[in-house]
C-alpha atoms as a PDB file:
ATOM      1  CA  MET A   1       0.000   0.000   0.000  1.00  0.00           C
ATOM      2  CA  LYS A   2       1.462   3.361  -1.045  1.00  0.00           C
ATOM      3  CA  LEU A   3       0.656   6.316   1.189  1.00  0.00           C
ATOM      4  CA  ASP A   4       0.483   9.977   0.197  1.00  0.00           C
ATOM      5  CA  ALA A   5       2.032  12.594   2.508  1.00  0.00           C
ATOM      6  CA  GLN A   6      -1.198  14.585   2.839  1.00  0.00           C
ATOM      7  CA  TRP A   7      -3.171  11.427   3.638  1.00  0.00           C
ATOM      8  CA  ILE A   8      -0.655  10.682   6.416  1.00  0.00           C
ATOM      9  CA  VAL A   9      -1.074  14.213   7.804  1.00  0.00           C
ATOM     10  CA  GLY A  10      -4.855  13.803   7.940  1.00  0.00           C
ATOM     11  CA  PHE A  11      -4.632  10.320   9.409  1.00  0.00           C
ATOM     12  CA  VAL A  12      -2.189  11.413  12.125  1.00  0.00           C
ATOM     13  CA  ASP A  13      -4.301  14.517  12.838  1.00  0.00           C
ATOM     14  CA  GLY A  14      -7.146  12.137  13.660  1.00  0.00           C
ATOM     15  CA  GLU A  15      -5.438   9.038  15.026  1.00  0.00           C
ATOM     16  CA  GLY A  16      -1.870   9.948  16.011  1.00  0.00           C
ATOM     17  CA  CYS A  17      -0.263  11.010  19.260  1.00  0.00           C
ATOM     18  CA  PHE A  18       2.974  12.768  20.180  1.00  0.00           C
ATOM     19  CA  TYR A  19       3.697  11.714  23.746  1.00  0.00           C
ATOM     20  CA  ILE A  20       6.397  12.444  26.315  1.00  0.00           C
ATOM     21  CA  GLY A  21       6.695   9.840  29.060  1.00  0.00           C
ATOM     22  CA  ILE A  22       8.666  10.679  32.198  1.00  0.00           C
ATOM     23  CA  ASN A  23       9.447   7.742  34.468  1.00  0.00           C
ATOM     24  CA  ARG A  24      11.375   7.449  37.714  1.00  0.00           C
ATOM     25  CA  HIS A  25      14.663   5.686  37.058  1.00  0.00           C
ATOM     26  CA  ALA A  26      17.069   5.554  39.990  1.00  0.00           C
ATOM     27  CA  GLU A  27      20.082   4.787  37.786  1.00  0.00           C
ATOM     28  CA  MET A  28      19.664   7.883  35.622  1.00  0.00           C
ATOM     29  CA  THR A  29      21.661  11.027  36.457  1.00  0.00           C
ATOM     30  CA  ALA A  30      18.528  13.113  37.119  1.00  0.00           C
ATOM     31  CA  LYS A  31      16.661  10.075  38.573  1.00  0.00           C
ATOM     32  CA  TYR A  32      14.157  10.187  35.700  1.00  0.00           C
ATOM     33  CA  GLN A  33      14.019   8.864  32.168  1.00  0.00           C
ATOM     34  CA  VAL A  34      12.368  10.854  29.370  1.00  0.00           C
ATOM     35  CA  LEU A  35      10.682   8.689  26.736  1.00  0.00           C
ATOM     36  CA  PRO A  36       9.321  10.512  23.673  1.00  0.00           C
ATOM     37  CA  GLU A  37       7.018   8.489  21.457  1.00  0.00           C
ATOM     38  CA  PHE A  38       5.100   8.986  18.227  1.00  0.00           C
ATOM     39  CA  THR A  39       2.142   6.572  18.094  1.00  0.00           C
ATOM     40  CA  VAL A  40      -0.806   5.770  15.845  1.00  0.00           C
ATOM     41  CA  VAL A  41      -3.416   3.300  17.151  1.00  0.00           C
ATOM     42  CA  GLN A  42      -5.959   1.363  15.094  1.00  0.00           C
ATOM     43  CA  HIS A  43      -8.276  -1.612  15.448  1.00  0.00           C
ATOM     44  CA  LYS A  44      -6.539  -4.806  14.328  1.00  0.00           C
ATOM     45  CA  ARG A  45      -8.797  -4.990  11.250  1.00  0.00           C
ATOM     46  CA  ASP A  46      -6.841  -1.983   9.882  1.00  0.00           C
ATOM     47  CA  ILE A  47      -3.359  -3.219  10.797  1.00  0.00           C
ATOM     48  CA  GLN A  48      -2.308  -2.863   7.139  1.00  0.00           C
ATOM     49  CA  LEU A  49      -2.452   0.937   7.589  1.00  0.00           C
ATOM     50  CA  LEU A  50       0.011   0.736  10.484  1.00  0.00           C
ATOM     51  CA  HIS A  51       2.362  -1.461   8.466  1.00  0.00           C
ATOM     52  CA  ALA A  52       2.075   1.008   5.581  1.00  0.00           C
ATOM     53  CA  LEU A  53       3.116   3.832   7.943  1.00  0.00           C
ATOM     54  CA  LYS A  54       6.073   1.747   9.122  1.00  0.00           C
ATOM     55  CA  ASP A  55       7.084   1.133   5.495  1.00  0.00           C
ATOM     56  CA  PHE A  56       6.634   4.813   4.607  1.00  0.00           C
ATOM     57  CA  PHE A  57       8.815   6.095   7.459  1.00  0.00           C
ATOM     58  CA  GLY A  58      11.228   3.144   7.362  1.00  0.00           C
ATOM     59  CA  CYS A  59      11.296   2.859  11.147  1.00  0.00           C
ATOM     60  CA  GLY A  60       9.263   1.975  14.215  1.00  0.00           C
ATOM     61  CA  VAL A  61       7.315  -1.118  15.193  1.00  0.00           C
ATOM     62  CA  VAL A  62       3.750  -2.405  14.927  1.00  0.00           C
ATOM     63  CA  ARG A  63       2.623  -4.095  18.143  1.00  0.00           C
ATOM     64  CA  THR A  64      -0.493  -5.021  20.072  1.00  0.00           C
ATOM     65  CA  ASN A  65      -1.643  -1.994  22.058  1.00  0.00           C
ATOM     66  CA  HIS A  66      -4.306  -3.694  24.174  1.00  0.00           C
ATOM     67  CA  GLY A  67      -7.199  -5.925  23.352  1.00  0.00           C
ATOM     68  CA  ASP A  68      -8.003  -5.697  19.664  1.00  0.00           C
ATOM     69  CA  ARG A  69      -6.051  -2.438  19.227  1.00  0.00           C
ATOM     70  CA  MET A  70      -2.716  -2.284  17.436  1.00  0.00           C
ATOM     71  CA  SER A  71      -0.195   0.540  17.411  1.00  0.00           C
ATOM     72  CA  TYR A  72       2.580   1.883  15.224  1.00  0.00           C
ATOM     73  CA  ARG A  73       5.264   3.360  17.511  1.00  0.00           C
ATOM     74  CA  VAL A  74       8.500   5.239  16.968  1.00  0.00           C
ATOM     75  CA  ARG A  75      10.597   5.688  20.108  1.00  0.00           C
ATOM     76  CA  SER A  76      14.170   5.880  18.824  1.00  0.00           C
ATOM     77  CA  ILE A  77      15.529   9.419  19.219  1.00  0.00           C
ATOM     78  CA  GLU A  78      17.508   8.924  16.011  1.00  0.00           C
ATOM     79  CA  HIS A  79      14.402   7.947  14.038  1.00  0.00           C
ATOM     80  CA  LEU A  80      12.305  10.705  15.602  1.00  0.00           C
ATOM     81  CA  VAL A  81      14.996  13.282  14.681  1.00  0.00           C
ATOM     82  CA  ASP A  82      15.814  11.933  11.224  1.00  0.00           C
ATOM     83  CA  LYS A  83      12.387  10.832   9.980  1.00  0.00           C
ATOM     84  CA  ILE A  84       9.351  11.869  12.027  1.00  0.00           C
ATOM     85  CA  LEU A  85      10.270  15.482  12.857  1.00  0.00           C
ATOM     86  CA  PRO A  86      11.365  16.404   9.303  1.00  0.00           C
ATOM     87  CA  PHE A  87       8.198  14.886   7.824  1.00  0.00           C
ATOM     88  CA  PHE A  88       5.845  16.878  10.075  1.00  0.00           C
ATOM     89  CA  GLU A  89       7.933  20.032   9.690  1.00  0.00           C
ATOM     90  CA  LYS A  90       7.546  19.776   5.915  1.00  0.00           C
ATOM     91  CA  HIS A  91       3.926  18.543   5.989  1.00  0.00           C
ATOM     92  CA  GLU A  92       2.189  20.491   8.754  1.00  0.00           C
ATOM     93  CA  LEU A  93      -0.577  18.975  10.803  1.00  0.00           C
ATOM     94  CA  LYS A  94      -3.860  20.886  10.453  1.00  0.00           C
ATOM     95  CA  SER A  95      -5.526  20.244  13.812  1.00  0.00           C
ATOM     96  CA  LYS A  96      -4.600  21.334  17.332  1.00  0.00           C
ATOM     97  CA  LYS A  97      -2.296  18.326  17.269  1.00  0.00           C
ATOM     98  CA  ARG A  98       0.156  20.688  15.542  1.00  0.00           C
ATOM     99  CA  GLN A  99       0.707  22.347  18.942  1.00  0.00           C
ATOM    100  CA  ASP A 100       1.481  18.958  20.483  1.00  0.00           C
ATOM    101  CA  PHE A 101       3.969  18.317  17.691  1.00  0.00           C
ATOM    102  CA  ILE A 102       5.708  21.668  18.314  1.00  0.00           C
ATOM    103  CA  LYS A 103       6.057  20.841  22.019  1.00  0.00           C
ATOM    104  CA  PHE A 104       7.200  17.303  21.203  1.00  0.00           C
ATOM    105  CA  ARG A 105       9.845  18.708  18.839  1.00  0.00           C
ATOM    106  CA  GLN A 106      11.018  21.084  21.593  1.00  0.00           C
ATOM    107  CA  VAL A 107      11.486  18.196  24.029  1.00  0.00           C
ATOM    108  CA  ILE A 108      13.432  16.227  21.405  1.00  0.00           C
ATOM    109  CA  HIS A 109      15.729  19.242  20.948  1.00  0.00           C
ATOM    110  CA  TRP A 110      16.193  19.492  24.717  1.00  0.00           C
ATOM    111  CA  ILE A 111      17.111  15.799  24.791  1.00  0.00           C
ATOM    112  CA  GLN A 112      19.692  16.417  22.059  1.00  0.00           C
ATOM    113  CA  GLN A 113      21.087  19.214  24.257  1.00  0.00           C
ATOM    114  CA  GLU A 114      21.110  16.760  27.211  1.00  0.00           C
ATOM    115  CA  LYS A 115      18.741  18.907  29.297  1.00  0.00           C
ATOM    116  CA  HIS A 116      16.974  15.710  30.334  1.00  0.00           C
ATOM    117  CA  LEU A 117      20.051  14.737  32.342  1.00  0.00           C
ATOM    118  CA  VAL A 118      19.618  17.426  35.008  1.00  0.00           C
ATOM    119  CA  PRO A 119      16.729  18.009  37.447  1.00  0.00           C
ATOM    120  CA  LYS A 120      15.961  21.516  36.106  1.00  0.00           C
ATOM    121  CA  GLY A 121      15.673  20.126  32.565  1.00  0.00           C
ATOM    122  CA  ILE A 122      13.394  17.305  33.726  1.00  0.00           C
ATOM    123  CA  GLU A 123      11.134  19.872  35.366  1.00  0.00           C
ATOM    124  CA  GLU A 124      10.995  21.993  32.176  1.00  0.00           C
ATOM    125  CA  ILE A 125      10.124  18.885  30.185  1.00  0.00           C
ATOM    126  CA  ARG A 126       7.477  17.861  32.743  1.00  0.00           C
ATOM    127  CA  VAL A 127       5.821  21.310  32.627  1.00  0.00           C
ATOM    128  CA  LEU A 128       5.682  21.271  28.824  1.00  0.00           C
ATOM    129  CA  ALA A 129       4.529  17.631  28.624  1.00  0.00           C
ATOM    130  CA  LYS A 130       1.588  18.368  30.953  1.00  0.00           C
ATOM    131  CA  THR A 131       0.196  20.793  28.363  1.00  0.00           C
ATOM    132  CA  MET A 132       0.193  18.155  25.597  1.00  0.00           C
ATOM    133  CA  ASN A 133      -2.718  16.007  24.404  1.00  0.00           C
ATOM    134  CA  THR A 134      -5.572  16.002  26.921  1.00  0.00           C
ATOM    135  CA  GLY A 135      -3.605  18.322  29.211  1.00  0.00           C
ATOM    136  CA  ARG A 136      -3.785  21.356  26.932  1.00  0.00           C
ATOM    137  CA  GLU A 137      -3.595  24.734  28.585  1.00  0.00           C
ATOM    138  CA  ARG A 138      -7.017  26.310  28.894  1.00  0.00           C
END
């Protein structure tokens, strides 16, 4: 299945998620681990769409999400920087998800600058991440 860039933008606007996980991790310098993730979830009947996204971007994995839901996920910083960010910078999302993408991109840049390795950086990331997805500022 061949996907068009604008179709992907619309599909991700509706079904995608840019997420920043922050987990306690005693062995990390700042005692936390920052886990950025780009995800698209679909019912298993449409798994071919997730595999088509994986083929299009040339990275990520398709896995069971829970129950009869499947997900396409990209977690590698390298793949997020080299493939996902450039695509959505060139092909802008149309919905409010664009704001989530901008914040997601900012966190990725902070990770590249190693801000996630110090407590102050973790706090900046946490504050920004809280405003993403269902936690939008009102």
